[in-house]
PDB file of N, CA and C in Angstrom:
ATOM      1  N   MET A   1      79.730  99.416  43.723  1.00  0.00           N
ATOM      2  CA  MET A   1      80.169 100.736  44.099  1.00  0.00           C
ATOM      3  C   MET A   1      81.217 101.281  43.124  1.00  0.00           C
ATOM      4  N   GLU A   2      81.994 100.366  42.502  1.00  0.00           N
ATOM      5  CA  GLU A   2      82.992 100.804  41.525  1.00  0.00           C
ATOM      6  C   GLU A   2      82.346 101.569  40.379  1.00  0.00           C
ATOM      7  N   TYR A   3      81.227 101.048  39.884  1.00  0.00           N
ATOM      8  CA  TYR A   3      80.544 101.689  38.760  1.00  0.00           C
ATOM      9  C   TYR A   3      80.005 103.060  39.164  1.00  0.00           C
ATOM     10  N   PHE A   4      79.479 103.151  40.359  1.00  0.00           N
ATOM     11  CA  PHE A   4      78.945 104.420  40.838  1.00  0.00           C
ATOM     12  C   PHE A   4      80.047 105.469  40.943  1.00  0.00           C
ATOM     13  N   ASN A   5      81.193 105.070  41.527  1.00  0.00           N
ATOM     14  CA  ASN A   5      82.308 106.013  41.649  1.00  0.00           C
ATOM     15  C   ASN A   5      82.833 106.449  40.290  1.00  0.00           C
ATOM     16  N   ALA A   6      82.932 105.512  39.371  1.00  0.00           N
ATOM     17  CA  ALA A   6      83.390 105.860  38.022  1.00  0.00           C
ATOM     18  C   ALA A   6      82.399 106.810  37.352  1.00  0.00           C
ATOM     19  N   PHE A   7      81.118 106.562  37.563  1.00  0.00           N
ATOM     20  CA  PHE A   7      80.078 107.390  36.936  1.00  0.00           C
ATOM     21  C   PHE A   7      80.114 108.823  37.451  1.00  0.00           C
ATOM     22  N   TRP A   8      80.149 108.996  38.780  1.00  0.00           N
ATOM     23  CA  TRP A   8      80.116 110.366  39.291  1.00  0.00           C
ATOM     24  C   TRP A   8      81.407 111.117  39.001  1.00  0.00           C
ATOM     25  N   ALA A   9      82.555 110.414  39.039  1.00  0.00           N
ATOM     26  CA  ALA A   9      83.827 111.091  38.774  1.00  0.00           C
ATOM     27  C   ALA A   9      83.933 111.505  37.308  1.00  0.00           C
ATOM     28  N   GLY A  10      83.619 110.580  36.403  1.00  0.00           N
ATOM     29  CA  GLY A  10      83.635 110.916  34.980  1.00  0.00           C
ATOM     30  C   GLY A  10      82.618 111.989  34.642  1.00  0.00           C
ATOM     31  N   GLY A  11      81.457 111.899  35.257  1.00  0.00           N
ATOM     32  CA  GLY A  11      80.417 112.910  35.033  1.00  0.00           C
ATOM     33  C   GLY A  11      80.836 114.279  35.527  1.00  0.00           C
ATOM     34  N   LEU A  12      81.508 114.311  36.673  1.00  0.00           N
ATOM     35  CA  LEU A  12      81.982 115.590  37.209  1.00  0.00           C
ATOM     36  C   LEU A  12      83.033 116.210  36.294  1.00  0.00           C
ATOM     37  N   ILE A  13      83.947 115.402  35.810  1.00  0.00           N
ATOM     38  CA  ILE A  13      84.965 115.910  34.881  1.00  0.00           C
ATOM     39  C   ILE A  13      84.298 116.459  33.619  1.00  0.00           C
ATOM     40  N   CYS A  14      83.365 115.701  33.066  1.00  0.00           N
ATOM     41  CA  CYS A  14      82.674 116.149  31.847  1.00  0.00           C
ATOM     42  C   CYS A  14      81.845 117.401  32.100  1.00  0.00           C
ATOM     43  N   ALA A  15      81.203 117.494  33.271  1.00  0.00           N
ATOM     44  CA  ALA A  15      80.409 118.682  33.598  1.00  0.00           C
ATOM     45  C   ALA A  15      81.302 119.912  33.710  1.00  0.00           C
ATOM     46  N   LEU A  16      82.468 119.765  34.338  1.00  0.00           N
ATOM     47  CA  LEU A  16      83.388 120.891  34.451  1.00  0.00           C
ATOM     48  C   LEU A  16      83.890 121.341  33.085  1.00  0.00           C
ATOM     49  N   VAL A  17      84.161 120.391  32.221  1.00  0.00           N
ATOM     50  CA  VAL A  17      84.598 120.726  30.865  1.00  0.00           C
ATOM     51  C   VAL A  17      83.481 121.439  30.110  1.00  0.00           C
ATOM     52  N   GLN A  18      82.250 120.965  30.277  1.00  0.00           N
ATOM     53  CA  GLN A  18      81.120 121.609  29.594  1.00  0.00           C
ATOM     54  C   GLN A  18      80.925 123.038  30.091  1.00  0.00           C
ATOM     55  N   ILE A  19      81.115 123.252  31.390  1.00  0.00           N
ATOM     56  CA  ILE A  19      81.024 124.605  31.935  1.00  0.00           C
ATOM     57  C   ILE A  19      82.111 125.492  31.327  1.00  0.00           C
ATOM     58  N   LEU A  20      83.321 124.947  31.212  1.00  0.00           N
ATOM     59  CA  LEU A  20      84.401 125.709  30.565  1.00  0.00           C
ATOM     60  C   LEU A  20      84.030 126.095  29.135  1.00  0.00           C
ATOM     61  N   LEU A  21      83.460 125.148  28.417  1.00  0.00           N
ATOM     62  CA  LEU A  21      83.097 125.422  27.020  1.00  0.00           C
ATOM     63  C   LEU A  21      81.959 126.434  26.924  1.00  0.00           C
ATOM     64  N   ASP A  22      80.995 126.360  27.827  1.00  0.00           N
ATOM     65  CA  ASP A  22      79.826 127.236  27.765  1.00  0.00           C
ATOM     66  C   ASP A  22      80.078 128.627  28.320  1.00  0.00           C
ATOM     67  N   ARG A  23      80.878 128.730  29.363  1.00  0.00           N
ATOM     68  CA  ARG A  23      81.025 129.989  30.091  1.00  0.00           C
ATOM     69  C   ARG A  23      82.272 130.785  29.727  1.00  0.00           C
ATOM     70  N   THR A  24      83.178 130.193  28.982  1.00  0.00           N
ATOM     71  CA  THR A  24      84.386 130.918  28.582  1.00  0.00           C
ATOM     72  C   THR A  24      84.460 130.963  27.056  1.00  0.00           C
ATOM     73  N   LYS A  25      85.442 131.665  26.579  1.00  0.00           N
ATOM     74  CA  LYS A  25      85.641 131.744  25.130  1.00  0.00           C
ATOM     75  C   LYS A  25      86.677 130.737  24.653  1.00  0.00           C
ATOM     76  N   LEU A  26      86.990 129.746  25.510  1.00  0.00           N
ATOM     77  CA  LEU A  26      87.963 128.729  25.125  1.00  0.00           C
ATOM     78  C   LEU A  26      87.394 127.836  24.027  1.00  0.00           C
ATOM     79  N   MET A  27      88.190 127.582  23.029  1.00  0.00           N
ATOM     80  CA  MET A  27      87.792 126.690  21.947  1.00  0.00           C
ATOM     81  C   MET A  27      87.993 125.245  22.402  1.00  0.00           C
ATOM     82  N   PRO A  28      87.259 124.293  21.806  1.00  0.00           N
ATOM     83  CA  PRO A  28      87.372 122.894  22.235  1.00  0.00           C
ATOM     84  C   PRO A  28      88.788 122.336  22.184  1.00  0.00           C
ATOM     85  N   GLY A  29      89.557 122.709  21.195  1.00  0.00           N
ATOM     86  CA  GLY A  29      90.932 122.229  21.106  1.00  0.00           C
ATOM     87  C   GLY A  29      91.776 122.677  22.284  1.00  0.00           C
ATOM     88  N   ARG A  30      91.569 123.899  22.724  1.00  0.00           N
ATOM     89  CA  ARG A  30      92.332 124.401  23.868  1.00  0.00           C
ATOM     90  C   ARG A  30      91.894 123.732  25.162  1.00  0.00           C
ATOM     91  N   VAL A  31      90.620 123.422  25.275  1.00  0.00           N
ATOM     92  CA  VAL A  31      90.137 122.714  26.460  1.00  0.00           C
ATOM     93  C   VAL A  31      90.724 121.302  26.490  1.00  0.00           C
ATOM     94  N   MET A  32      90.821 120.662  25.331  1.00  0.00           N
ATOM     95  CA  MET A  32      91.417 119.324  25.281  1.00  0.00           C
ATOM     96  C   MET A  32      92.889 119.378  25.688  1.00  0.00           C
ATOM     97  N   VAL A  33      93.615 120.378  25.222  1.00  0.00           N
ATOM     98  CA  VAL A  33      95.013 120.540  25.613  1.00  0.00           C
ATOM     99  C   VAL A  33      95.103 120.801  27.118  1.00  0.00           C
ATOM    100  N   LEU A  34      94.183 121.590  27.647  1.00  0.00           N
ATOM    101  CA  LEU A  34      94.150 121.858  29.086  1.00  0.00           C
ATOM    102  C   LEU A  34      93.937 120.570  29.881  1.00  0.00           C
ATOM    103  N   LEU A  35      93.068 119.692  29.398  1.00  0.00           N
ATOM    104  CA  LEU A  35      92.820 118.425  30.083  1.00  0.00           C
ATOM    105  C   LEU A  35      94.050 117.516  30.051  1.00  0.00           C
ATOM    106  N   VAL A  36      94.673 117.384  28.900  1.00  0.00           N
ATOM    107  CA  VAL A  36      95.871 116.535  28.793  1.00  0.00           C
ATOM    108  C   VAL A  36      96.977 117.092  29.687  1.00  0.00           C
ATOM    109  N   THR A  37      97.167 118.395  29.664  1.00  0.00           N
ATOM    110  CA  THR A  37      98.189 119.018  30.491  1.00  0.00           C
ATOM    111  C   THR A  37      97.866 118.851  31.978  1.00  0.00           C
ATOM    112  N   SER A  38      96.607 118.981  32.338  1.00  0.00           N
ATOM    113  CA  SER A  38      96.202 118.792  33.735  1.00  0.00           C
ATOM    114  C   SER A  38      96.487 117.365  34.196  1.00  0.00           C
ATOM    115  N   GLY A  39      96.212 116.381  33.353  1.00  0.00           N
ATOM    116  CA  GLY A  39      96.518 114.995  33.698  1.00  0.00           C
ATOM    117  C   GLY A  39      98.003 114.776  33.900  1.00  0.00           C
ATOM    118  N   THR A  40      98.814 115.440  33.083  1.00  0.00           N
ATOM    119  CA  THR A  40     100.263 115.339  33.222  1.00  0.00           C
ATOM    120  C   THR A  40     100.724 115.962  34.533  1.00  0.00           C
ATOM    121  N   VAL A  41     100.213 117.140  34.841  1.00  0.00           N
ATOM    122  CA  VAL A  41     100.603 117.827  36.075  1.00  0.00           C
ATOM    123  C   VAL A  41     100.141 117.045  37.303  1.00  0.00           C
ATOM    124  N   LEU A  42      98.913 116.523  37.270  1.00  0.00           N
ATOM    125  CA  LEU A  42      98.419 115.721  38.397  1.00  0.00           C
ATOM    126  C   LEU A  42      99.255 114.464  38.589  1.00  0.00           C
ATOM    127  N   GLY A  43      99.694 113.857  37.495  1.00  0.00           N
ATOM    128  CA  GLY A  43     100.579 112.696  37.588  1.00  0.00           C
ATOM    129  C   GLY A  43     101.919 113.073  38.188  1.00  0.00           C
ATOM    130  N   PHE A  44     102.459 114.204  37.771  1.00  0.00           N
ATOM    131  CA  PHE A  44     103.743 114.677  38.291  1.00  0.00           C
ATOM    132  C   PHE A  44     103.653 114.963  39.790  1.00  0.00           C
ATOM    133  N   LEU A  45     102.552 115.540  40.227  1.00  0.00           N
ATOM    134  CA  LEU A  45     102.377 115.883  41.643  1.00  0.00           C
ATOM    135  C   LEU A  45     102.047 114.666  42.510  1.00  0.00           C
ATOM    136  N   GLY A  46     101.771 113.529  41.867  1.00  0.00           N
ATOM    137  CA  GLY A  46     101.455 112.322  42.617  1.00  0.00           C
ATOM    138  C   GLY A  46     100.012 112.240  43.068  1.00  0.00           C
ATOM    139  N   VAL A  47      99.157 113.066  42.501  1.00  0.00           N
ATOM    140  CA  VAL A  47      97.749 113.103  42.881  1.00  0.00           C
ATOM    141  C   VAL A  47      96.918 112.152  42.033  1.00  0.00           C
ATOM    142  N   TYR A  48      97.355 111.897  40.821  1.00  0.00           N
ATOM    143  CA  TYR A  48      96.520 111.158  39.876  1.00  0.00           C
ATOM    144  C   TYR A  48      96.356 109.685  40.236  1.00  0.00           C
ATOM    145  N   ASP A  49      97.414 109.025  40.676  1.00  0.00           N
ATOM    146  CA  ASP A  49      97.307 107.601  41.018  1.00  0.00           C
ATOM    147  C   ASP A  49      96.352 107.346  42.180  1.00  0.00           C
ATOM    148  N   PRO A  50      96.405 108.130  43.279  1.00  0.00           N
ATOM    149  CA  PRO A  50      95.392 107.925  44.329  1.00  0.00           C
ATOM    150  C   PRO A  50      93.969 108.211  43.842  1.00  0.00           C
ATOM    151  N   LEU A  51      93.836 109.179  42.928  1.00  0.00           N
ATOM    152  CA  LEU A  51      92.517 109.479  42.366  1.00  0.00           C
ATOM    153  C   LEU A  51      91.989 108.287  41.571  1.00  0.00           C
ATOM    154  N   ILE A  52      92.845 107.649  40.789  1.00  0.00           N
ATOM    155  CA  ILE A  52      92.461 106.467  40.020  1.00  0.00           C
ATOM    156  C   ILE A  52      92.066 105.327  40.955  1.00  0.00           C
ATOM    157  N   GLU A  53      92.813 105.153  42.038  1.00  0.00           N
ATOM    158  CA  GLU A  53      92.469 104.098  42.994  1.00  0.00           C
ATOM    159  C   GLU A  53      91.116 104.350  43.630  1.00  0.00           C
ATOM    160  N   MET A  54      90.773 105.633  43.842  1.00  0.00           N
ATOM    161  CA  MET A  54      89.517 105.964  44.494  1.00  0.00           C
ATOM    162  C   MET A  54      88.324 105.840  43.546  1.00  0.00           C
ATOM    163  N   VAL A  55      88.432 106.372  42.329  1.00  0.00           N
ATOM    164  CA  VAL A  55      87.273 106.430  41.433  1.00  0.00           C
ATOM    165  C   VAL A  55      87.395 105.560  40.190  1.00  0.00           C
ATOM    166  N   GLY A  56      88.516 104.906  39.984  1.00  0.00           N
ATOM    167  CA  GLY A  56      88.661 103.974  38.867  1.00  0.00           C
ATOM    168  C   GLY A  56      88.630 104.652  37.515  1.00  0.00           C
ATOM    169  N   CYS A  57      87.931 104.025  36.592  1.00  0.00           N
ATOM    170  CA  CYS A  57      87.916 104.475  35.202  1.00  0.00           C
ATOM    171  C   CYS A  57      87.253 105.830  35.005  1.00  0.00           C
ATOM    172  N   GLY A  58      86.515 106.301  35.988  1.00  0.00           N
ATOM    173  CA  GLY A  58      85.882 107.611  35.870  1.00  0.00           C
ATOM    174  C   GLY A  58      86.894 108.717  35.666  1.00  0.00           C
ATOM    175  N   ALA A  59      88.092 108.545  36.197  1.00  0.00           N
ATOM    176  CA  ALA A  59      89.153 109.534  36.013  1.00  0.00           C
ATOM    177  C   ALA A  59      90.202 109.055  35.014  1.00  0.00           C
ATOM    178  N   GLY A  60      90.193 107.780  34.680  1.00  0.00           N
ATOM    179  CA  GLY A  60      91.224 107.241  33.801  1.00  0.00           C
ATOM    180  C   GLY A  60      90.902 107.304  32.332  1.00  0.00           C
ATOM    181  N   VAL A  61      89.633 107.367  31.995  1.00  0.00           N
ATOM    182  CA  VAL A  61      89.241 107.311  30.590  1.00  0.00           C
ATOM    183  C   VAL A  61      89.309 108.670  29.892  1.00  0.00           C
ATOM    184  N   PRO A  62      88.887 109.762  30.523  1.00  0.00           N
ATOM    185  CA  PRO A  62      88.932 111.047  29.811  1.00  0.00           C
ATOM    186  C   PRO A  62      90.360 111.465  29.470  1.00  0.00           C
ATOM    187  N   LEU A  63      90.490 112.616  28.871  1.00  0.00           N
ATOM    188  CA  LEU A  63      91.802 113.093  28.425  1.00  0.00           C
ATOM    189  C   LEU A  63      92.792 113.301  29.563  1.00  0.00           C
ATOM    190  N   LEU A  64      92.296 113.408  30.778  1.00  0.00           N
ATOM    191  CA  LEU A  64      93.209 113.467  31.916  1.00  0.00           C
ATOM    192  C   LEU A  64      94.062 112.203  31.966  1.00  0.00           C
ATOM    193  N   GLY A  65      93.443 111.075  31.690  1.00  0.00           N
ATOM    194  CA  GLY A  65      94.154 109.797  31.692  1.00  0.00           C
ATOM    195  C   GLY A  65      95.217 109.726  30.609  1.00  0.00           C
ATOM    196  N   PHE A  66      94.952 110.320  29.459  1.00  0.00           N
ATOM    197  CA  PHE A  66      95.937 110.341  28.387  1.00  0.00           C
ATOM    198  C   PHE A  66      97.159 111.151  28.803  1.00  0.00           C
ATOM    199  N   GLY A  67      96.933 112.294  29.436  1.00  0.00           N
ATOM    200  CA  GLY A  67      98.056 113.100  29.916  1.00  0.00           C
ATOM    201  C   GLY A  67      98.881 112.358  30.943  1.00  0.00           C
ATOM    202  N   ASN A  68      98.204 111.651  31.841  1.00  0.00           N
ATOM    203  CA  ASN A  68      98.929 110.872  32.839  1.00  0.00           C
ATOM    204  C   ASN A  68      99.702 109.724  32.193  1.00  0.00           C
ATOM    205  N   THR A  69      99.132 109.095  31.185  1.00  0.00           N
ATOM    206  CA  THR A  69      99.837 108.029  30.465  1.00  0.00           C
ATOM    207  C   THR A  69     101.112 108.566  29.817  1.00  0.00           C
ATOM    208  N   LEU A  70     101.018 109.741  29.201  1.00  0.00           N
ATOM    209  CA  LEU A  70     102.209 110.359  28.608  1.00  0.00           C
ATOM    210  C   LEU A  70     103.265 110.617  29.669  1.00  0.00           C
ATOM    211  N   PHE A  71     102.845 111.161  30.810  1.00  0.00           N
ATOM    212  CA  PHE A  71     103.796 111.452  31.884  1.00  0.00           C
ATOM    213  C   PHE A  71     104.463 110.175  32.393  1.00  0.00           C
ATOM    214  N   GLN A  72     103.673 109.143  32.644  1.00  0.00           N
ATOM    215  CA  GLN A  72     104.238 107.887  33.155  1.00  0.00           C
ATOM    216  C   GLN A  72     105.232 107.288  32.163  1.00  0.00           C
ATOM    217  N   GLY A  73     104.894 107.353  30.864  1.00  0.00           N
ATOM    218  CA  GLY A  73     105.797 106.837  29.838  1.00  0.00           C
ATOM    219  C   GLY A  73     107.114 107.596  29.784  1.00  0.00           C
ATOM    220  N   VAL A  74     107.033 108.914  29.867  1.00  0.00           N
ATOM    221  CA  VAL A  74     108.249 109.729  29.848  1.00  0.00           C
ATOM    222  C   VAL A  74     109.072 109.468  31.099  1.00  0.00           C
ATOM    223  N   LYS A  75     108.413 109.360  32.241  1.00  0.00           N
ATOM    224  CA  LYS A  75     109.130 109.113  33.495  1.00  0.00           C
ATOM    225  C   LYS A  75     109.897 107.789  33.447  1.00  0.00           C
ATOM    226  N   GLU A  76     109.234 106.743  32.982  1.00  0.00           N
ATOM    227  CA  GLU A  76     109.893 105.432  32.886  1.00  0.00           C
ATOM    228  C   GLU A  76     111.042 105.451  31.873  1.00  0.00           C
ATOM    229  N   ALA A  77     110.817 106.110  30.728  1.00  0.00           N
ATOM    230  CA  ALA A  77     111.853 106.147  29.695  1.00  0.00           C
ATOM    231  C   ALA A  77     113.064 106.963  30.140  1.00  0.00           C
ATOM    232  N   VAL A  78     112.843 108.019  30.902  1.00  0.00           N
ATOM    233  CA  VAL A  78     113.962 108.818  31.391  1.00  0.00           C
ATOM    234  C   VAL A  78     114.773 108.002  32.393  1.00  0.00           C
ATOM    235  N   LEU A  79     114.105 107.257  33.253  1.00  0.00           N
ATOM    236  CA  LEU A  79     114.825 106.417  34.210  1.00  0.00           C
ATOM    237  C   LEU A  79     115.626 105.329  33.499  1.00  0.00           C
ATOM    238  N   LYS A  80     115.077 104.826  32.399  1.00  0.00           N
ATOM    239  CA  LYS A  80     115.728 103.729  31.673  1.00  0.00           C
ATOM    240  C   LYS A  80     116.799 104.229  30.697  1.00  0.00           C
ATOM    241  N   ASP A  81     116.458 105.234  29.882  1.00  0.00           N
ATOM    242  CA  ASP A  81     117.329 105.654  28.782  1.00  0.00           C
ATOM    243  C   ASP A  81     117.987 107.017  28.977  1.00  0.00           C
ATOM    244  N   GLY A  82     117.677 107.710  30.032  1.00  0.00           N
ATOM    245  CA  GLY A  82     118.258 109.028  30.250  1.00  0.00           C
ATOM    246  C   GLY A  82     117.525 110.111  29.486  1.00  0.00           C
ATOM    247  N   PHE A  83     118.260 111.107  29.041  1.00  0.00           N
ATOM    248  CA  PHE A  83     117.686 112.290  28.401  1.00  0.00           C
ATOM    249  C   PHE A  83     116.838 111.963  27.176  1.00  0.00           C
ATOM    250  N   ILE A  84     117.259 110.991  26.385  1.00  0.00           N
ATOM    251  CA  ILE A  84     116.517 110.653  25.161  1.00  0.00           C
ATOM    252  C   ILE A  84     115.125 110.130  25.484  1.00  0.00           C
ATOM    253  N   GLY A  85     114.924 109.639  26.697  1.00  0.00           N
ATOM    254  CA  GLY A  85     113.614 109.155  27.124  1.00  0.00           C
ATOM    255  C   GLY A  85     112.548 110.227  27.131  1.00  0.00           C
ATOM    256  N   ILE A  86     112.956 111.486  27.258  1.00  0.00           N
ATOM    257  CA  ILE A  86     112.003 112.598  27.203  1.00  0.00           C
ATOM    258  C   ILE A  86     111.255 112.575  25.876  1.00  0.00           C
ATOM    259  N   PHE A  87     111.957 112.221  24.816  1.00  0.00           N
ATOM    260  CA  PHE A  87     111.388 112.282  23.477  1.00  0.00           C
ATOM    261  C   PHE A  87     110.657 111.004  23.072  1.00  0.00           C
ATOM    262  N   GLU A  88     111.050 109.870  23.617  1.00  0.00           N
ATOM    263  CA  GLU A  88     110.455 108.612  23.165  1.00  0.00           C
ATOM    264  C   GLU A  88     109.439 108.010  24.132  1.00  0.00           C
ATOM    265  N   GLY A  89     109.479 108.381  25.394  1.00  0.00           N
ATOM    266  CA  GLY A  89     108.628 107.750  26.400  1.00  0.00           C
ATOM    267  C   GLY A  89     107.142 107.935  26.168  1.00  0.00           C
ATOM    268  N   GLY A  90     106.727 109.140  25.816  1.00  0.00           N
ATOM    269  CA  GLY A  90     105.308 109.406  25.574  1.00  0.00           C
ATOM    270  C   GLY A  90     104.765 108.624  24.393  1.00  0.00           C
ATOM    271  N   PHE A  91     105.588 108.497  23.355  1.00  0.00           N
ATOM    272  CA  PHE A  91     105.160 107.732  22.176  1.00  0.00           C
ATOM    273  C   PHE A  91     105.014 106.256  22.498  1.00  0.00           C
ATOM    274  N   THR A  92     105.964 105.727  23.245  1.00  0.00           N
ATOM    275  CA  THR A  92     105.928 104.312  23.589  1.00  0.00           C
ATOM    276  C   THR A  92     104.725 103.992  24.465  1.00  0.00           C
ATOM    277  N   ALA A  93     104.458 104.842  25.450  1.00  0.00           N
ATOM    278  CA  ALA A  93     103.378 104.582  26.399  1.00  0.00           C
ATOM    279  C   ALA A  93     101.999 104.696  25.756  1.00  0.00           C
ATOM    280  N   SER A  94     101.851 105.585  24.798  1.00  0.00           N
ATOM    281  CA  SER A  94     100.525 105.827  24.222  1.00  0.00           C
ATOM    282  C   SER A  94     100.325 105.213  22.842  1.00  0.00           C
ATOM    283  N   ALA A  95     101.293 104.458  22.362  1.00  0.00           N
ATOM    284  CA  ALA A  95     101.223 103.932  20.996  1.00  0.00           C
ATOM    285  C   ALA A  95     100.014 103.038  20.771  1.00  0.00           C
ATOM    286  N   ALA A  96      99.698 102.160  21.703  1.00  0.00           N
ATOM    287  CA  ALA A  96      98.575 101.242  21.512  1.00  0.00           C
ATOM    288  C   ALA A  96      97.253 101.995  21.428  1.00  0.00           C
ATOM    289  N   GLY A  97      97.044 102.960  22.305  1.00  0.00           N
ATOM    290  CA  GLY A  97      95.794 103.729  22.293  1.00  0.00           C
ATOM    291  C   GLY A  97      95.638 104.567  21.042  1.00  0.00           C
ATOM    292  N   ILE A  98      96.704 105.206  20.623  1.00  0.00           N
ATOM    293  CA  ILE A  98      96.653 106.031  19.412  1.00  0.00           C
ATOM    294  C   ILE A  98      96.430 105.155  18.185  1.00  0.00           C
ATOM    295  N   SER A  99      97.099 104.023  18.129  1.00  0.00           N
ATOM    296  CA  SER A  99      96.912 103.098  17.001  1.00  0.00           C
ATOM    297  C   SER A  99      95.482 102.590  16.942  1.00  0.00           C
ATOM    298  N   ALA A 100      94.930 102.236  18.090  1.00  0.00           N
ATOM    299  CA  ALA A 100      93.544 101.753  18.126  1.00  0.00           C
ATOM    300  C   ALA A 100      92.586 102.845  17.648  1.00  0.00           C
ATOM    301  N   ALA A 101      92.808 104.083  18.068  1.00  0.00           N
ATOM    302  CA  ALA A 101      91.945 105.178  17.630  1.00  0.00           C
ATOM    303  C   ALA A 101      92.007 105.358  16.118  1.00  0.00           C
ATOM    304  N   LEU A 102      93.197 105.258  15.551  1.00  0.00           N
ATOM    305  CA  LEU A 102      93.338 105.388  14.097  1.00  0.00           C
ATOM    306  C   LEU A 102      92.644 104.243  13.355  1.00  0.00           C
ATOM    307  N   VAL A 103      92.866 103.017  13.820  1.00  0.00           N
ATOM    308  CA  VAL A 103      92.275 101.854  13.144  1.00  0.00           C
ATOM    309  C   VAL A 103      90.759 101.889  13.235  1.00  0.00           C
ATOM    310  N   PHE A 104      90.219 102.117  14.438  1.00  0.00           N
ATOM    311  CA  PHE A 104      88.764 102.123  14.587  1.00  0.00           C
ATOM    312  C   PHE A 104      88.121 103.316  13.887  1.00  0.00           C
ATOM    313  N   GLY A 105      88.817 104.454  13.864  1.00  0.00           N
ATOM    314  CA  GLY A 105      88.306 105.597  13.110  1.00  0.00           C
ATOM    315  C   GLY A 105      88.240 105.303  11.619  1.00  0.00           C
ATOM    316  N   TYR A 106      89.267 104.629  11.118  1.00  0.00           N
ATOM    317  CA  TYR A 106      89.288 104.250   9.705  1.00  0.00           C
ATOM    318  C   TYR A 106      88.167 103.260   9.393  1.00  0.00           C
ATOM    319  N   LEU A 107      87.992 102.255  10.246  1.00  0.00           N
ATOM    320  CA  LEU A 107      86.912 101.278  10.046  1.00  0.00           C
ATOM    321  C   LEU A 107      85.539 101.943  10.112  1.00  0.00           C
ATOM    322  N   ALA A 108      85.374 102.878  11.028  1.00  0.00           N
ATOM    323  CA  ALA A 108      84.096 103.583  11.130  1.00  0.00           C
ATOM    324  C   ALA A 108      83.813 104.394   9.873  1.00  0.00           C
ATOM    325  N   SER A 109      84.858 104.933   9.247  1.00  0.00           N
ATOM    326  CA  SER A 109      84.643 105.699   8.022  1.00  0.00           C
ATOM    327  C   SER A 109      84.198 104.805   6.866  1.00  0.00           C
ATOM    328  N   TRP A 110      84.516 103.510   6.935  1.00  0.00           N
ATOM    329  CA  TRP A 110      84.060 102.575   5.908  1.00  0.00           C
ATOM    330  C   TRP A 110      82.617 102.153   6.161  1.00  0.00           C
ATOM    331  N   ILE A 111      82.242 102.024   7.421  1.00  0.00           N
ATOM    332  CA  ILE A 111      80.895 101.563   7.772  1.00  0.00           C
ATOM    333  C   ILE A 111      79.886 102.686   7.615  1.00  0.00           C
ATOM    334  N   PHE A 112      80.230 103.869   8.090  1.00  0.00           N
ATOM    335  CA  PHE A 112      79.320 105.006   8.043  1.00  0.00           C
ATOM    336  C   PHE A 112      79.740 105.939   6.924  1.00  0.00           C
ATOM    337  N   GLU A 113      78.849 106.817   6.542  1.00  0.00           N
ATOM    338  CA  GLU A 113      79.143 107.740   5.457  1.00  0.00           C
ATOM    339  C   GLU A 113      79.575 109.088   6.025  1.00  0.00           C
ATOM    340  N   PRO A 114      80.895 109.353   6.048  1.00  0.00           N
ATOM    341  CA  PRO A 114      81.345 110.627   6.636  1.00  0.00           C
ATOM    342  C   PRO A 114      80.925 111.806   5.762  1.00  0.00           C
ATOM    343  N   LYS A 115      80.533 112.886   6.430  1.00  0.00           N
ATOM    344  CA  LYS A 115      80.115 114.082   5.719  1.00  0.00           C
ATOM    345  C   LYS A 115      80.821 115.289   6.328  1.00  0.00           C
ATOM    346  N   MET A 116      81.110 116.251   5.499  1.00  0.00           N
ATOM    347  CA  MET A 116      81.705 117.493   5.969  1.00  0.00           C
ATOM    348  C   MET A 116      80.582 118.398   6.458  1.00  0.00           C
ATOM    349  N   LYS A 117      80.876 119.195   7.480  1.00  0.00           N
ATOM    350  CA  LYS A 117      79.902 120.175   7.969  1.00  0.00           C
ATOM    351  C   LYS A 117      79.799 121.315   6.967  1.00  0.00           C
ATOM    352  N   LYS A 118      78.623 121.852   6.851  1.00  0.00           N
ATOM    353  CA  LYS A 118      78.430 122.961   5.911  1.00  0.00           C
ATOM    354  C   LYS A 118      78.267 124.250   6.650  1.00  0.00           C
TER     355      LYS A 118
END
């Protein structure tokens, strides 16, 4: 049942994003910012953690999860370090994921032949 819940939740998020891209004039970059910001706001409101418990990775993997990770990191850093935590918490919490994306992207560019769009 975990896989089913993750599938429908992730699929619903992706379908809503696709509708936004198809039916509005929003550019993909702005939709991505909207998703990260939404994850942050949902984390702040306390809605995101119960959602993760209910549907698992279906809500944790998309960009909503990245926004929530940033929020959780900032929240912990502010509690620990005070005001300066606002600036360092998001970096600390997301460093492993961002580093992995950079490393794997670099490795993929060596394996595959990247081409510019014409």
